[in-house]
Protein backbone atom coordinates (compact mmCIF):
# COMPACT_ATOMS: atom_id res chain seq x y z
CA MET A 1 38.39 12.45 81.93
CA SER A 2 37.10 10.03 79.69
CA ALA A 3 38.77 8.29 76.23
CA ALA A 4 36.46 9.81 74.49
CA ARG A 5 36.71 13.40 75.80
CA ASP A 6 40.78 13.46 75.45
CA TRP A 7 39.82 12.11 72.17
CA VAL A 8 37.50 15.59 71.10
CA ASP A 9 39.37 17.92 72.90
CA ARG A 10 42.79 16.92 70.60
CA THR A 11 40.62 16.81 67.87
CA SER A 12 38.27 19.65 68.27
CA GLY A 13 40.89 21.92 68.08
CA GLU A 14 39.97 23.71 71.46
CA ALA A 15 42.72 25.79 73.19
CA GLY A 16 45.38 24.22 75.31
CA ALA A 17 45.42 20.78 72.29
CA ALA A 18 48.13 19.90 71.67
CA PRO A 19 48.70 20.49 67.77
CA GLN A 20 48.47 17.41 64.86
CA ALA A 21 50.35 16.59 62.13
CA ALA A 22 48.65 16.63 58.89
CA SER A 23 47.46 13.16 57.98
CA PRO A 24 46.88 12.53 54.32
CA ARG A 25 43.14 12.03 53.91
CA ALA A 26 42.01 9.31 51.34
CA SER A 27 39.64 10.01 48.36
CA LEU A 28 36.42 8.95 47.81
CA ALA A 29 36.19 7.35 44.58
CA SER A 30 33.01 6.03 42.89
CA VAL A 31 32.04 2.77 43.46
CA GLU A 32 29.95 1.69 40.25
CA GLY A 33 31.64 3.58 36.99
CA PRO A 34 30.28 5.13 34.01
CA ASP A 35 26.29 4.49 34.38
CA SER A 36 26.34 3.15 30.92
CA GLN A 37 29.26 0.24 29.78
CA GLN A 38 29.12 -2.31 27.33
CA VAL A 39 28.01 -5.49 29.80
CA ASP A 40 27.96 -9.05 28.79
CA VAL A 41 24.09 -9.70 29.74
CA ALA A 42 24.93 -13.31 29.28
CA ALA A 43 26.66 -13.72 31.81
CA LEU A 44 25.29 -11.92 34.13
CA MET A 45 22.40 -13.95 33.90
CA GLY A 46 24.44 -16.48 34.69
CA GLU A 47 25.47 -14.82 38.07
CA ALA A 48 21.94 -13.25 38.98
CA LEU A 49 20.69 -17.95 38.53
CA GLU A 50 23.78 -18.39 41.09
CA LEU A 51 23.15 -16.13 43.94
CA LEU A 52 19.55 -16.86 43.81
CA GLU A 53 19.88 -20.85 44.07
CA ALA A 54 22.74 -19.81 46.52
CA THR A 55 20.30 -17.80 48.60
CA ARG A 56 17.59 -20.93 48.15
CA ARG A 57 15.44 -18.50 46.54
CA ILE A 58 14.72 -20.49 44.11
CA HIS A 59 14.30 -24.02 45.98
CA GLY A 60 12.82 -26.18 43.99
CA ILE A 61 11.44 -24.03 40.30
CA GLU A 62 13.27 -25.03 37.18
CA VAL A 63 15.10 -22.61 35.26
CA LYS A 64 15.83 -22.91 32.14
CA LEU A 65 18.66 -20.64 30.29
CA GLU A 66 19.06 -20.26 27.05
CA LEU A 67 22.00 -18.42 26.07
CA PRO A 68 23.64 -17.88 22.44
CA GLY A 69 26.80 -18.86 22.43
CA GLU A 70 28.40 -16.18 21.74
CA THR A 71 28.86 -12.64 23.80
CA VAL A 72 26.53 -10.34 23.98
CA LEU A 73 26.80 -7.14 25.05
CA ALA A 74 24.42 -4.40 25.95
CA ARG A 75 25.26 -0.31 26.68
CA THR A 76 23.78 -0.27 30.10
CA GLY A 77 24.86 -0.10 34.01
CA ALA A 78 25.96 -3.49 35.05
CA ARG A 79 24.64 -3.24 38.71
CA ARG A 80 21.21 -2.40 37.31
CA THR A 81 20.35 -5.25 34.82
CA ARG A 82 21.48 -7.30 37.77
CA GLN A 83 19.27 -5.81 39.66
CA VAL A 84 17.04 -5.96 36.72
CA LEU A 85 17.30 -10.03 36.71
CA LEU A 86 16.66 -10.27 40.17
CA LEU A 87 13.96 -8.67 40.83
CA LEU A 88 12.41 -11.11 37.37
CA LEU A 89 13.30 -14.06 38.74
CA SER A 90 11.90 -13.43 42.38
CA HIS A 91 8.91 -12.98 40.20
CA ALA A 92 9.09 -15.31 37.78
CA ALA A 93 9.90 -18.14 40.81
CA ASP A 94 7.25 -16.54 43.38
CA HIS A 95 4.66 -16.95 40.49
CA ALA A 96 5.18 -20.52 38.84
CA GLY A 97 3.48 -22.34 41.32
CA GLU A 98 3.82 -26.25 40.11
CA GLY A 99 5.22 -24.75 36.37
CA SER A 100 8.34 -23.47 35.25
CA VAL A 101 10.85 -21.03 34.38
CA ARG A 102 12.12 -20.04 31.11
CA VAL A 103 14.79 -17.18 30.00
CA VAL A 104 15.70 -16.17 26.62
CA LEU A 105 18.34 -14.17 25.50
CA ASP A 106 18.70 -12.98 21.82
CA ALA A 107 22.50 -11.29 21.07
CA PRO A 108 21.31 -8.15 19.11
CA ASP A 109 22.26 -8.30 14.93
CA ASP A 110 25.46 -6.46 13.66
CA PHE A 111 23.74 -3.27 12.47
CA GLY A 112 22.29 -2.37 15.24
CA ASP A 113 18.70 -3.12 13.75
CA GLU A 114 17.80 -5.11 16.75
CA SER A 115 18.77 -4.58 20.73
CA PRO A 116 19.57 -7.93 22.35
CA ARG A 117 16.60 -8.71 24.42
CA PHE A 118 15.61 -11.48 27.58
CA GLN A 119 12.18 -12.88 28.07
CA VAL A 120 11.08 -14.71 30.69
CA VAL A 121 8.63 -17.06 30.52
CA THR A 122 6.80 -18.04 33.08
CA SER A 123 4.62 -20.94 32.54
CA GLY A 124 2.48 -21.19 35.38
CA ALA A 125 2.10 -17.46 36.86
CA ARG A 126 -1.53 -15.82 36.05
CA LEU A 127 -1.73 -11.79 35.77
CA SER A 128 -5.03 -10.35 36.07
CA ALA A 129 -6.14 -7.23 33.18
CA ARG A 130 -5.88 -5.04 36.20
CA GLU A 131 -2.70 -6.04 37.86
CA LEU A 132 -1.01 -6.25 34.15
CA GLN A 133 -1.74 -2.14 33.92
CA ALA A 134 -0.62 -1.37 37.55
CA VAL A 135 3.03 -2.80 36.46
CA PHE A 136 3.33 0.29 34.30
CA LEU A 137 2.00 2.47 37.84
CA SER A 138 4.49 3.69 40.49
CA PRO A 139 5.88 0.86 41.84
CA MET A 140 4.46 2.48 45.18
CA LEU A 141 1.12 2.05 43.60
CA VAL A 142 1.67 -1.73 42.59
CA GLY A 143 0.15 -4.52 45.08
CA PRO A 144 3.25 -6.59 46.25
CA ALA A 145 2.52 -9.48 44.17
CA HIS A 146 3.77 -7.79 41.93
CA ARG A 147 6.56 -4.37 42.81
CA ARG A 148 9.31 -6.53 41.75
CA LEU A 149 8.07 -6.07 37.90
CA ALA A 150 7.59 -2.59 38.09
CA ARG A 151 10.79 -1.27 40.45
CA ALA A 152 12.22 -3.84 36.79
CA ARG A 153 10.26 -1.65 34.60
CA GLU A 154 11.43 1.54 36.46
CA LEU A 155 15.08 0.36 36.58
CA VAL A 156 15.48 -0.70 32.83
CA GLU A 157 13.61 2.54 31.84
CA SER A 158 16.52 4.42 33.29
CA VAL A 159 19.55 2.23 31.44
CA GLY A 160 17.03 3.39 28.46
CA GLY A 161 15.78 0.33 27.59
CA THR A 162 11.69 -0.61 28.18
CA LEU A 163 9.86 -3.82 29.33
CA GLY A 164 7.10 -5.45 28.16
CA VAL A 165 4.51 -7.93 29.37
CA GLU A 166 2.11 -10.50 27.90
CA ARG A 167 -0.45 -12.67 29.05
CA GLY A 168 -0.26 -16.04 27.87
CA ASP A 169 -4.40 -18.11 26.53
CA GLY A 170 -4.93 -19.79 29.72
CA GLU A 171 -1.41 -19.30 31.92
CA GLY A 172 1.54 -18.03 31.62
CA LEU A 173 3.33 -14.71 31.74
CA THR A 174 5.93 -13.28 29.76
CA VAL A 175 8.35 -10.40 30.58
CA THR A 176 10.53 -9.02 27.76
CA VAL A 177 13.16 -6.88 28.55
CA GLU A 178 14.66 -5.07 25.36
CA LEU A 179 18.39 -3.37 26.54
CA PRO A 180 19.93 -0.23 24.65
CA ALA A 181 22.40 -1.88 21.22
CA PRO A 182 25.85 -1.87 22.77
CA GLY A 183 26.39 -0.35 18.87
CA LEU A 184 27.36 -1.15 15.33
CA ALA A 185 29.27 -4.32 15.50
CA CYS A 186 30.09 -3.74 11.84
CA TRP A 187 31.86 -0.65 11.67
């Protein structure tokens, strides 16, 4: 009898199998935790940029981060927000050409009127009117060039935020993401 069959016999409960002692079972815990939590968006931006540089995804492209000196909190999921940043920075790197990528993060106000938002500005990118409309469709209906934008839009909307895309006058593309506000900071 093979070792695998012997193991099956002993654990399957067939007649003649030796009784086994009860073993404690490990319980499965959630990996992420709650879907919505206080997340430092500035720290996530730094992590996303470091990851893309380490994997040489943005090799040869100048990426400028303009971050405020304070912590920028948003009420969102860290994993999804990180994924949105990776998608947007990868898209910008693919379409920057000879241009550069600038990422600007704006902090929310203390009264909750303004949500935290960031913009990814790609100076060398071009997006036709048809492609601009396609970003707001399902990622499966968008061509491969802008599928990352459509997927990022879905992820932003799933955490309660909004994503907008604007074309520049000649060249350029600005993607604006508004995240859910962390709540009133002054109270």
